[in-house]
C-alpha atoms as a PDB file:
ATOM      1  CA  MET A   1     -23.075   6.978 -37.461  1.00  0.00           C
ATOM      2  CA  ASP A   2     -22.909   3.507 -38.830  1.00  0.00           C
ATOM      3  CA  GLU A   3     -20.932   4.817 -41.918  1.00  0.00           C
ATOM      4  CA  LEU A   4     -18.891   6.964 -39.474  1.00  0.00           C
ATOM      5  CA  VAL A   5     -17.214   3.533 -37.644  1.00  0.00           C
ATOM      6  CA  ALA A   6     -17.368   1.635 -40.410  1.00  0.00           C
ATOM      7  CA  LYS A   7     -15.181   4.532 -42.121  1.00  0.00           C
ATOM      8  CA  LYS A   8     -13.321   4.617 -39.191  1.00  0.00           C
ATOM      9  CA  LYS A   9     -12.332   0.556 -39.136  1.00  0.00           C
ATOM     10  CA  GLN A  10     -11.210   1.456 -42.548  1.00  0.00           C
ATOM     11  CA  SER A  11      -8.964   3.533 -41.839  1.00  0.00           C
ATOM     12  CA  PRO A  12      -5.210   2.404 -41.852  1.00  0.00           C
ATOM     13  CA  ALA A  13      -3.343   1.422 -38.364  1.00  0.00           C
ATOM     14  CA  ALA A  14      -1.068   4.345 -37.123  1.00  0.00           C
ATOM     15  CA  ALA A  15       2.819   3.341 -38.004  1.00  0.00           C
ATOM     16  CA  PRO A  16       3.977   2.153 -35.106  1.00  0.00           C
ATOM     17  CA  SER A  17       6.578   5.207 -33.936  1.00  0.00           C
ATOM     18  CA  VAL A  18      10.746   4.853 -33.674  1.00  0.00           C
ATOM     19  CA  GLY A  19      10.467   4.003 -29.951  1.00  0.00           C
ATOM     20  CA  GLU A  20       8.124   1.138 -30.601  1.00  0.00           C
ATOM     21  CA  THR A  21      10.306  -0.857 -32.958  1.00  0.00           C
ATOM     22  CA  ALA A  22      13.436  -0.346 -31.435  1.00  0.00           C
ATOM     23  CA  ALA A  23      11.750  -2.197 -28.880  1.00  0.00           C
ATOM     24  CA  PHE A  24      10.319  -4.528 -31.059  1.00  0.00           C
ATOM     25  CA  LEU A  25      13.717  -5.087 -32.330  1.00  0.00           C
ATOM     26  CA  ALA A  26      15.540  -5.419 -28.563  1.00  0.00           C
ATOM     27  CA  ALA A  27      13.152  -8.509 -28.058  1.00  0.00           C
ATOM     28  CA  ILE A  28      13.722  -9.887 -31.502  1.00  0.00           C
ATOM     29  CA  GLY A  29      17.427  -9.812 -30.523  1.00  0.00           C
ATOM     30  CA  ALA A  30      16.699 -10.827 -26.988  1.00  0.00           C
ATOM     31  CA  GLU A  31      14.663 -14.281 -28.397  1.00  0.00           C
ATOM     32  CA  VAL A  32      17.812 -14.823 -30.486  1.00  0.00           C
ATOM     33  CA  ARG A  33      20.067 -14.688 -28.035  1.00  0.00           C
ATOM     34  CA  ARG A  34      17.727 -17.071 -25.549  1.00  0.00           C
ATOM     35  CA  HIS A  35      17.390 -19.693 -27.629  1.00  0.00           C
ATOM     36  CA  ARG A  36      20.987 -19.932 -29.071  1.00  0.00           C
ATOM     37  CA  ALA A  37      21.689 -19.978 -25.192  1.00  0.00           C
ATOM     38  CA  LYS A  38      19.338 -22.497 -24.975  1.00  0.00           C
ATOM     39  CA  ARG A  39      21.411 -24.346 -27.121  1.00  0.00           C
ATOM     40  CA  GLY A  40      24.119 -24.115 -26.080  1.00  0.00           C
ATOM     41  CA  MET A  41      25.717 -22.264 -29.813  1.00  0.00           C
ATOM     42  CA  THR A  42      28.017 -19.359 -29.407  1.00  0.00           C
ATOM     43  CA  ARG A  43      27.229 -16.938 -31.696  1.00  0.00           C
ATOM     44  CA  ARG A  44      30.021 -17.456 -34.514  1.00  0.00           C
ATOM     45  CA  GLN A  45      28.090 -20.711 -34.582  1.00  0.00           C
ATOM     46  CA  LEU A  46      24.962 -20.026 -35.332  1.00  0.00           C
ATOM     47  CA  ALA A  47      26.531 -17.455 -37.169  1.00  0.00           C
ATOM     48  CA  GLN A  48      28.030 -19.855 -39.483  1.00  0.00           C
ATOM     49  CA  ALA A  49      24.857 -22.492 -39.748  1.00  0.00           C
ATOM     50  CA  SER A  50      22.560 -19.515 -40.382  1.00  0.00           C
ATOM     51  CA  GLU A  51      24.824 -18.222 -43.581  1.00  0.00           C
ATOM     52  CA  THR A  52      24.449 -14.973 -41.501  1.00  0.00           C
ATOM     53  CA  SER A  53      27.483 -13.285 -40.861  1.00  0.00           C
ATOM     54  CA  GLU A  54      28.445 -13.054 -37.400  1.00  0.00           C
ATOM     55  CA  ARG A  55      28.673  -9.030 -37.224  1.00  0.00           C
ATOM     56  CA  TYR A  56      25.300  -8.591 -38.339  1.00  0.00           C
ATOM     57  CA  LEU A  57      23.664 -11.568 -36.204  1.00  0.00           C
ATOM     58  CA  ALA A  58      25.881  -9.440 -33.073  1.00  0.00           C
ATOM     59  CA  GLN A  59      23.749  -6.313 -34.016  1.00  0.00           C
ATOM     60  CA  ILE A  60      20.465  -8.327 -34.406  1.00  0.00           C
ATOM     61  CA  GLU A  61      20.717  -9.858 -30.934  1.00  0.00           C
ATOM     62  CA  SER A  62      21.639  -5.999 -29.768  1.00  0.00           C
ATOM     63  CA  GLY A  63      18.547  -4.737 -31.097  1.00  0.00           C
ATOM     64  CA  ALA A  64      20.272  -2.558 -33.449  1.00  0.00           C
ATOM     65  CA  GLY A  65      19.959  -5.035 -36.723  1.00  0.00           C
ATOM     66  CA  ASN A  66      16.560  -5.071 -38.509  1.00  0.00           C
ATOM     67  CA  PRO A  67      16.718  -8.451 -39.946  1.00  0.00           C
ATOM     68  CA  SER A  68      14.788  -9.414 -42.981  1.00  0.00           C
ATOM     69  CA  VAL A  69      11.895 -11.835 -43.169  1.00  0.00           C
ATOM     70  CA  SER A  70      13.924 -14.889 -45.165  1.00  0.00           C
ATOM     71  CA  VAL A  71      17.141 -13.749 -42.829  1.00  0.00           C
ATOM     72  CA  LEU A  72      15.029 -14.600 -39.618  1.00  0.00           C
ATOM     73  CA  ARG A  73      13.893 -17.271 -40.680  1.00  0.00           C
ATOM     74  CA  ALA A  74      17.240 -18.757 -41.584  1.00  0.00           C
ATOM     75  CA  ILE A  75      18.566 -17.777 -38.252  1.00  0.00           C
ATOM     76  CA  ALA A  76      14.918 -19.571 -36.682  1.00  0.00           C
ATOM     77  CA  GLN A  77      15.895 -22.783 -39.018  1.00  0.00           C
ATOM     78  CA  ALA A  78      19.249 -23.122 -37.434  1.00  0.00           C
ATOM     79  CA  LEU A  79      17.948 -22.930 -33.857  1.00  0.00           C
ATOM     80  CA  GLY A  80      15.373 -25.820 -34.874  1.00  0.00           C
ATOM     81  CA  LEU A  81      12.303 -23.403 -34.491  1.00  0.00           C
ATOM     82  CA  PRO A  82       9.547 -21.942 -36.539  1.00  0.00           C
ATOM     83  CA  ALA A  83      10.785 -18.580 -37.808  1.00  0.00           C
ATOM     84  CA  ALA A  84       7.615 -17.339 -35.353  1.00  0.00           C
ATOM     85  CA  ALA A  85       9.665 -18.167 -32.481  1.00  0.00           C
ATOM     86  CA  LEU A  86      11.663 -15.541 -32.847  1.00  0.00           C
ATOM     87  CA  LEU A  87       8.959 -12.619 -32.555  1.00  0.00           C
ATOM     88  CA  PRO A  88       8.200 -11.546 -29.251  1.00  0.00           C
ATOM     89  CA  GLU A  89       4.223 -10.857 -30.530  1.00  0.00           C
ATOM     90  CA  ALA A  90       2.153 -14.011 -30.378  1.00  0.00           C
ATOM     91  CA  SER A  91      -1.119 -12.846 -32.128  1.00  0.00           C
ATOM     92  CA  THR A  92      -2.210 -16.717 -33.039  1.00  0.00           C
ATOM     93  CA  ARG A  93      -3.067 -17.451 -29.754  1.00  0.00           C
ATOM     94  CA  PRO A  94      -6.146 -18.834 -29.050  1.00  0.00           C
ATOM     95  CA  ALA A  95      -8.458 -17.456 -26.215  1.00  0.00           C
ATOM     96  CA  ALA A  96      -8.335 -19.546 -23.525  1.00  0.00           C
ATOM     97  CA  LEU A  97      -4.424 -19.740 -23.638  1.00  0.00           C
ATOM     98  CA  ALA A  98      -3.757 -15.977 -23.641  1.00  0.00           C
ATOM     99  CA  ALA A  99      -6.200 -15.696 -20.968  1.00  0.00           C
ATOM    100  CA  ILE A 100      -3.766 -18.544 -18.912  1.00  0.00           C
ATOM    101  CA  ILE A 101      -1.087 -16.724 -19.844  1.00  0.00           C
ATOM    102  CA  ASP A 102      -2.214 -12.964 -18.587  1.00  0.00           C
ATOM    103  CA  LEU A 103      -3.075 -14.925 -15.093  1.00  0.00           C
ATOM    104  CA  LEU A 104       0.678 -16.074 -14.673  1.00  0.00           C
ATOM    105  CA  SER A 105       1.789 -12.954 -15.427  1.00  0.00           C
ATOM    106  CA  GLN A 106       0.238 -11.672 -12.127  1.00  0.00           C
ATOM    107  CA  VAL A 107       2.029 -14.797 -10.053  1.00  0.00           C
ATOM    108  CA  PRO A 108       5.431 -13.809  -8.385  1.00  0.00           C
ATOM    109  CA  GLU A 109       8.134 -15.477 -10.479  1.00  0.00           C
ATOM    110  CA  ALA A 110       9.502 -17.424  -7.498  1.00  0.00           C
ATOM    111  CA  GLU A 111       6.340 -19.220  -7.470  1.00  0.00           C
ATOM    112  CA  LEU A 112       6.215 -20.262 -10.875  1.00  0.00           C
ATOM    113  CA  PRO A 113       8.370 -23.259 -10.858  1.00  0.00           C
ATOM    114  CA  ALA A 114       6.356 -24.706  -8.592  1.00  0.00           C
ATOM    115  CA  LEU A 115       3.179 -23.730 -10.531  1.00  0.00           C
ATOM    116  CA  ALA A 116       4.775 -25.298 -13.334  1.00  0.00           C
ATOM    117  CA  LYS A 117       5.346 -28.555 -12.054  1.00  0.00           C
ATOM    118  CA  ASP A 118       1.752 -28.372 -10.488  1.00  0.00           C
ATOM    119  CA  ILE A 119       0.758 -27.928 -14.507  1.00  0.00           C
ATOM    120  CA  ALA A 120       3.224 -30.590 -15.267  1.00  0.00           C
ATOM    121  CA  ALA A 121       1.735 -33.046 -12.920  1.00  0.00           C
ATOM    122  CA  ARG A 122      -1.839 -32.520 -13.581  1.00  0.00           C
ATOM    123  CA  ILE A 123      -1.187 -33.132 -17.558  1.00  0.00           C
ATOM    124  CA  ALA A 124       0.753 -36.139 -16.722  1.00  0.00           C
ATOM    125  CA  GLY A 125      -2.039 -37.649 -14.372  1.00  0.00           C
ATOM    126  CA  ALA A 126      -4.689 -36.794 -17.333  1.00  0.00           C
ATOM    127  CA  GLN A 127      -2.580 -38.707 -19.830  1.00  0.00           C
ATOM    128  CA  ASN A 128      -2.180 -41.732 -17.116  1.00  0.00           C
ATOM    129  CA  ALA A 129       1.683 -41.524 -18.113  1.00  0.00           C
ATOM    130  CA  ASP A 130       3.668 -44.547 -16.982  1.00  0.00           C
ATOM    131  CA  ARG A 131       7.266 -43.360 -15.797  1.00  0.00           C
ATOM    132  CA  ALA A 132       7.695 -47.092 -14.676  1.00  0.00           C
ATOM    133  CA  ARG A 133      11.109 -47.248 -12.830  1.00  0.00           C
ATOM    134  CA  ARG A 134      12.955 -45.247 -15.466  1.00  0.00           C
ATOM    135  CA  ILE A 135      14.669 -42.225 -14.016  1.00  0.00           C
ATOM    136  CA  ALA A 136      16.500 -39.617 -16.000  1.00  0.00           C
ATOM    137  CA  LEU A 137      19.275 -37.222 -15.378  1.00  0.00           C
ATOM    138  CA  ILE A 138      19.121 -33.708 -16.676  1.00  0.00           C
ATOM    139  CA  GLY A 139      21.741 -30.821 -16.751  1.00  0.00           C
ATOM    140  CA  LEU A 140      24.581 -29.146 -18.400  1.00  0.00           C
ATOM    141  CA  ARG A 141      27.756 -31.091 -19.179  1.00  0.00           C
ATOM    142  CA  GLY A 142      29.833 -31.515 -16.147  1.00  0.00           C
ATOM    143  CA  ALA A 143      27.183 -31.890 -13.360  1.00  0.00           C
ATOM    144  CA  GLY A 144      27.797 -35.364 -13.026  1.00  0.00           C
ATOM    145  CA  LYS A 145      25.493 -36.963 -14.795  1.00  0.00           C
ATOM    146  CA  SER A 146      27.642 -39.987 -16.096  1.00  0.00           C
ATOM    147  CA  THR A 147      29.660 -40.412 -13.592  1.00  0.00           C
ATOM    148  CA  LEU A 148      26.681 -40.701 -11.107  1.00  0.00           C
ATOM    149  CA  GLY A 149      24.222 -42.159 -13.612  1.00  0.00           C
ATOM    150  CA  ARG A 150      26.696 -45.317 -13.904  1.00  0.00           C
ATOM    151  CA  LEU A 151      26.948 -45.852 -10.747  1.00  0.00           C
ATOM    152  CA  LEU A 152      23.376 -45.600 -10.060  1.00  0.00           C
ATOM    153  CA  ALA A 153      22.446 -48.152 -12.661  1.00  0.00           C
ATOM    154  CA  GLN A 154      25.145 -50.797 -10.598  1.00  0.00           C
ATOM    155  CA  GLN A 155      23.299 -49.904  -7.491  1.00  0.00           C
ATOM    156  CA  PHE A 156      20.132 -50.226  -8.528  1.00  0.00           C
ATOM    157  CA  GLY A 157      20.736 -53.327 -11.337  1.00  0.00           C
ATOM    158  CA  SER A 158      19.209 -50.790 -13.568  1.00  0.00           C
ATOM    159  CA  PRO A 159      20.330 -50.811 -17.573  1.00  0.00           C
ATOM    160  CA  PHE A 160      22.819 -47.717 -18.319  1.00  0.00           C
ATOM    161  CA  ILE A 161      21.691 -45.543 -20.852  1.00  0.00           C
ATOM    162  CA  GLU A 162      23.464 -42.775 -22.335  1.00  0.00           C
ATOM    163  CA  LEU A 163      20.949 -40.952 -25.774  1.00  0.00           C
ATOM    164  CA  ASP A 164      23.917 -39.155 -27.468  1.00  0.00           C
ATOM    165  CA  ARG A 165      25.962 -42.704 -27.145  1.00  0.00           C
ATOM    166  CA  LEU A 166      22.954 -44.662 -28.693  1.00  0.00           C
ATOM    167  CA  ILE A 167      22.495 -41.974 -31.721  1.00  0.00           C
ATOM    168  CA  GLU A 168      26.159 -42.174 -32.417  1.00  0.00           C
ATOM    169  CA  GLU A 169      25.611 -45.975 -32.356  1.00  0.00           C
ATOM    170  CA  ASP A 170      22.586 -45.740 -34.639  1.00  0.00           C
ATOM    171  CA  TYR A 171      24.483 -43.031 -36.932  1.00  0.00           C
ATOM    172  CA  GLY A 172      27.855 -44.091 -36.740  1.00  0.00           C
ATOM    173  CA  ALA A 173      29.587 -40.916 -36.004  1.00  0.00           C
ATOM    174  CA  SER A 174      30.305 -39.084 -32.993  1.00  0.00           C
ATOM    175  CA  ILE A 175      27.792 -35.866 -32.001  1.00  0.00           C
ATOM    176  CA  PRO A 176      29.815 -33.261 -32.994  1.00  0.00           C
ATOM    177  CA  ASP A 177      30.150 -34.970 -36.473  1.00  0.00           C
ATOM    178  CA  LEU A 178      26.499 -35.566 -37.134  1.00  0.00           C
ATOM    179  CA  ILE A 179      25.417 -31.797 -35.958  1.00  0.00           C
ATOM    180  CA  GLU A 180      27.512 -30.501 -38.545  1.00  0.00           C
ATOM    181  CA  MET A 181      26.749 -32.816 -41.198  1.00  0.00           C
ATOM    182  CA  ALA A 182      23.211 -33.268 -41.047  1.00  0.00           C
ATOM    183  CA  GLY A 183      22.266 -30.648 -38.953  1.00  0.00           C
ATOM    184  CA  ALA A 184      21.009 -29.751 -35.320  1.00  0.00           C
ATOM    185  CA  ALA A 185      16.848 -30.315 -36.136  1.00  0.00           C
ATOM    186  CA  THR A 186      18.198 -34.027 -37.899  1.00  0.00           C
ATOM    187  CA  PHE A 187      20.591 -34.250 -34.122  1.00  0.00           C
ATOM    188  CA  ARG A 188      16.918 -33.531 -32.490  1.00  0.00           C
ATOM    189  CA  ARG A 189      14.714 -35.962 -34.695  1.00  0.00           C
ATOM    190  CA  LEU A 190      17.260 -38.574 -33.836  1.00  0.00           C
ATOM    191  CA  GLU A 191      17.061 -37.677 -30.483  1.00  0.00           C
ATOM    192  CA  ARG A 192      13.356 -38.219 -29.790  1.00  0.00           C
ATOM    193  CA  GLY A 193      13.388 -41.713 -31.961  1.00  0.00           C
ATOM    194  CA  ALA A 194      16.060 -42.675 -29.284  1.00  0.00           C
ATOM    195  CA  LEU A 195      14.170 -41.611 -26.355  1.00  0.00           C
ATOM    196  CA  GLU A 196      11.134 -42.996 -28.031  1.00  0.00           C
ATOM    197  CA  ARG A 197      12.833 -46.546 -28.346  1.00  0.00           C
ATOM    198  CA  VAL A 198      14.349 -46.614 -24.925  1.00  0.00           C
ATOM    199  CA  ILE A 199      10.958 -46.004 -23.287  1.00  0.00           C
ATOM    200  CA  ALA A 200       9.916 -48.957 -25.451  1.00  0.00           C
ATOM    201  CA  GLU A 201      12.139 -51.222 -24.760  1.00  0.00           C
ATOM    202  CA  HIS A 202      12.881 -50.075 -21.181  1.00  0.00           C
ATOM    203  CA  ASP A 203      10.416 -50.257 -17.614  1.00  0.00           C
ATOM    204  CA  ALA A 204      13.846 -49.985 -15.534  1.00  0.00           C
ATOM    205  CA  ALA A 205      16.397 -47.333 -16.464  1.00  0.00           C
ATOM    206  CA  ILE A 206      18.530 -45.130 -15.540  1.00  0.00           C
ATOM    207  CA  ILE A 207      18.858 -42.466 -18.843  1.00  0.00           C
ATOM    208  CA  THR A 208      21.382 -39.507 -19.238  1.00  0.00           C
ATOM    209  CA  THR A 209      20.356 -36.984 -22.189  1.00  0.00           C
ATOM    210  CA  ALA A 210      22.345 -34.390 -23.427  1.00  0.00           C
ATOM    211  CA  GLY A 211      22.110 -30.566 -21.363  1.00  0.00           C
ATOM    212  CA  GLY A 212      20.296 -29.330 -24.744  1.00  0.00           C
ATOM    213  CA  ILE A 213      17.184 -32.219 -24.532  1.00  0.00           C
ATOM    214  CA  VAL A 214      15.078 -29.037 -23.054  1.00  0.00           C
ATOM    215  CA  ALA A 215      15.861 -26.848 -26.460  1.00  0.00           C
ATOM    216  CA  ASP A 216      12.766 -29.450 -28.047  1.00  0.00           C
ATOM    217  CA  ALA A 217       9.741 -28.651 -26.486  1.00  0.00           C
ATOM    218  CA  GLU A 218       8.630 -32.167 -27.343  1.00  0.00           C
ATOM    219  CA  THR A 219      11.121 -34.165 -26.855  1.00  0.00           C
ATOM    220  CA  TYR A 220      11.850 -33.086 -23.151  1.00  0.00           C
ATOM    221  CA  ALA A 221       7.576 -33.021 -22.844  1.00  0.00           C
ATOM    222  CA  LEU A 222       7.828 -36.751 -23.298  1.00  0.00           C
ATOM    223  CA  LEU A 223      10.850 -37.880 -20.671  1.00  0.00           C
ATOM    224  CA  LEU A 224       8.996 -35.922 -18.200  1.00  0.00           C
ATOM    225  CA  ARG A 225       5.673 -37.446 -18.930  1.00  0.00           C
ATOM    226  CA  ARG A 226       7.893 -41.347 -19.120  1.00  0.00           C
ATOM    227  CA  SER A 227      10.333 -40.470 -16.020  1.00  0.00           C
ATOM    228  CA  HIS A 228      11.652 -39.890 -13.139  1.00  0.00           C
ATOM    229  CA  THR A 229      13.551 -36.690 -14.305  1.00  0.00           C
ATOM    230  CA  VAL A 230      15.921 -35.254 -12.082  1.00  0.00           C
ATOM    231  CA  TRP A 231      18.249 -31.993 -12.562  1.00  0.00           C
ATOM    232  CA  ILE A 232      21.548 -32.834 -12.180  1.00  0.00           C
ATOM    233  CA  LYS A 233      23.172 -29.402 -10.874  1.00  0.00           C
ATOM    234  CA  ALA A 234      25.878 -27.227  -9.767  1.00  0.00           C
ATOM    235  CA  ARG A 235      27.695 -24.060  -9.950  1.00  0.00           C
ATOM    236  CA  PRO A 236      28.983 -22.529 -13.193  1.00  0.00           C
ATOM    237  CA  GLU A 237      32.625 -22.837 -12.071  1.00  0.00           C
ATOM    238  CA  ASP A 238      32.061 -26.607 -10.936  1.00  0.00           C
ATOM    239  CA  HIS A 239      30.617 -26.966 -14.814  1.00  0.00           C
ATOM    240  CA  MET A 240      33.926 -25.744 -16.110  1.00  0.00           C
ATOM    241  CA  SER A 241      36.472 -26.757 -13.961  1.00  0.00           C
ATOM    242  CA  ARG A 242      34.586 -30.417 -14.080  1.00  0.00           C
ATOM    243  CA  VAL A 243      34.202 -30.283 -18.487  1.00  0.00           C
ATOM    244  CA  MET A 244      38.269 -28.765 -18.486  1.00  0.00           C
ATOM    245  CA  ALA A 245      39.244 -32.004 -16.644  1.00  0.00           C
ATOM    246  CA  GLN A 246      37.316 -33.872 -18.908  1.00  0.00           C
ATOM    247  CA  GLY A 247      39.262 -32.528 -22.269  1.00  0.00           C
ATOM    248  CA  ASP A 248      36.325 -31.724 -23.966  1.00  0.00           C
ATOM    249  CA  PHE A 249      35.070 -28.295 -24.886  1.00  0.00           C
ATOM    250  CA  ARG A 250      32.026 -28.195 -26.491  1.00  0.00           C
ATOM    251  CA  PRO A 251      30.705 -25.808 -27.223  1.00  0.00           C
ATOM    252  CA  MET A 252      33.096 -23.984 -25.996  1.00  0.00           C
ATOM    253  CA  ALA A 253      36.383 -24.559 -28.425  1.00  0.00           C
ATOM    254  CA  ALA A 254      38.736 -21.041 -29.713  1.00  0.00           C
ATOM    255  CA  ASN A 255      35.672 -19.255 -27.290  1.00  0.00           C
ATOM    256  CA  ARG A 256      37.231 -17.543 -24.935  1.00  0.00           C
ATOM    257  CA  GLU A 257      33.991 -16.173 -22.594  1.00  0.00           C
ATOM    258  CA  ALA A 258      33.741 -20.007 -22.374  1.00  0.00           C
ATOM    259  CA  MET A 259      31.974 -18.570 -18.837  1.00  0.00           C
ATOM    260  CA  ALA A 260      30.063 -16.269 -19.713  1.00  0.00           C
ATOM    261  CA  ASP A 261      28.206 -18.611 -22.533  1.00  0.00           C
ATOM    262  CA  LEU A 262      28.217 -21.164 -19.956  1.00  0.00           C
ATOM    263  CA  VAL A 263      26.409 -18.608 -17.236  1.00  0.00           C
ATOM    264  CA  ALA A 264      23.843 -17.941 -20.256  1.00  0.00           C
ATOM    265  CA  ILE A 265      23.449 -21.147 -21.420  1.00  0.00           C
ATOM    266  CA  LEU A 266      22.473 -22.122 -17.849  1.00  0.00           C
ATOM    267  CA  ASP A 267      20.523 -19.077 -17.368  1.00  0.00           C
ATOM    268  CA  ALA A 268      18.241 -19.767 -20.680  1.00  0.00           C
ATOM    269  CA  ARG A 269      17.893 -23.214 -19.638  1.00  0.00           C
ATOM    270  CA  ARG A 270      17.012 -22.978 -15.766  1.00  0.00           C
ATOM    271  CA  ALA A 271      12.933 -22.654 -16.129  1.00  0.00           C
ATOM    272  CA  ASP A 272      13.068 -25.722 -17.626  1.00  0.00           C
ATOM    273  CA  TYR A 273      15.214 -27.644 -15.930  1.00  0.00           C
ATOM    274  CA  ALA A 274      13.207 -26.697 -12.578  1.00  0.00           C
ATOM    275  CA  ARG A 275      10.327 -28.962 -14.299  1.00  0.00           C
ATOM    276  CA  ALA A 276      12.157 -31.908 -13.271  1.00  0.00           C
ATOM    277  CA  GLU A 277      10.404 -33.415 -10.787  1.00  0.00           C
ATOM    278  CA  ALA A 278      13.524 -33.650  -8.258  1.00  0.00           C
ATOM    279  CA  GLU A 279      16.924 -31.945  -8.315  1.00  0.00           C
ATOM    280  CA  VAL A 280      19.969 -32.909  -6.892  1.00  0.00           C
ATOM    281  CA  ASP A 281      23.087 -30.569  -5.694  1.00  0.00           C
ATOM    282  CA  THR A 282      26.839 -31.525  -6.176  1.00  0.00           C
ATOM    283  CA  THR A 283      28.446 -28.663  -5.923  1.00  0.00           C
ATOM    284  CA  GLY A 284      31.285 -28.653  -3.807  1.00  0.00           C
ATOM    285  CA  ASP A 285      30.486 -32.816  -3.417  1.00  0.00           C
ATOM    286  CA  THR A 286      32.682 -36.036  -3.991  1.00  0.00           C
ATOM    287  CA  VAL A 287      31.329 -37.958  -6.055  1.00  0.00           C
ATOM    288  CA  GLU A 288      30.188 -40.237  -3.314  1.00  0.00           C
ATOM    289  CA  GLN A 289      28.739 -37.930  -1.572  1.00  0.00           C
ATOM    290  CA  SER A 290      26.448 -36.978  -4.755  1.00  0.00           C
ATOM    291  CA  LEU A 291      25.602 -40.405  -5.068  1.00  0.00           C
ATOM    292  CA  ALA A 292      24.508 -40.880  -1.673  1.00  0.00           C
ATOM    293  CA  LYS A 293      21.628 -37.880  -2.180  1.00  0.00           C
ATOM    294  CA  LEU A 294      21.052 -39.162  -5.695  1.00  0.00           C
ATOM    295  CA  VAL A 295      20.443 -42.648  -4.225  1.00  0.00           C
ATOM    296  CA  ALA A 296      17.915 -40.811  -1.725  1.00  0.00           C
ATOM    297  CA  THR A 297      16.356 -38.718  -4.176  1.00  0.00           C
ATOM    298  CA  MET A 298      15.675 -42.129  -6.124  1.00  0.00           C
ATOM    299  CA  THR A 299      14.498 -43.920  -3.435  1.00  0.00           C
ATOM    300  CA  ARG A 300      11.919 -40.990  -2.507  1.00  0.00           C
ATOM    301  CA  LEU A 301      10.296 -40.956  -5.989  1.00  0.00           C
ATOM    302  CA  LEU A 302       9.897 -44.613  -6.693  1.00  0.00           C
ATOM    303  CA  GLY A 303       8.569 -45.673  -2.938  1.00  0.00           C
ATOM    304  CA  SER A 304       8.915 -48.841  -2.744  1.00  0.00           C
ATOM    305  CA  ASP A 305       8.864 -50.068  -6.182  1.00  0.00           C
ATOM    306  CA  ALA A 306      13.198 -48.793  -5.930  1.00  0.00           C
ATOM    307  CA  ASN A 307      13.557 -52.329  -4.085  1.00  0.00           C
END
């Protein structure tokens, strides 16, 4: 009997069916689309960064393409990810983590944001995180982060720090030029360094970040731990109209599907933005109305330290 069991264990596993393979490729395509949208990259930009044809990338994202390991690795590198992050299967998860994930899969989706905040609060408490009087404003471009952040800093007498401007000063080039010349991974590394410096040098500050800071898990976790983070949000239509009013079309230049891309970016980042300590919706508001909401939120987060 033992010999029969041993032989059975040694026999090769059955090859995946056509349906299983199709589902696997579709899942890879979905991961590529999600990570691309999360970073605010158009398909053309990702194709260029990964040296993959735009047509082939479209096939991969639709699940019709079967990328080689080298192609998948190139796409992952262009996204600033390990190749394994684009695979729908995670066979190397620790048993405890797998158990937690299984439990979370049973939680209604509507309850997950609150649960994520509870977990983040517990981790922050265990690490004795010190947020001091640092307020970080996150969200898509066009929500009003810079305008509100500058006004809030004036009102509370705190330094106003835009991480993007800090990086540009350090690097000596604009963010788009930096990414084009050095790549997104270099930008994320500089972003992490700039944030660490701001935290080390300022107990009180109003900080604004690039919308894609959520794409780097470690940097975003640091921001959540060491600052009171507020998601400045608005409807996609408001984001678009404000960006157009600013004459800034990144990352939507020469893209006729700009609104669809913006919605995809917001959808891909929504769960991460929702991990913020608080939210302020600027939809349809005047600057004065949004500022009043933000001041009230800041006062609540800081308590007696707000004065």
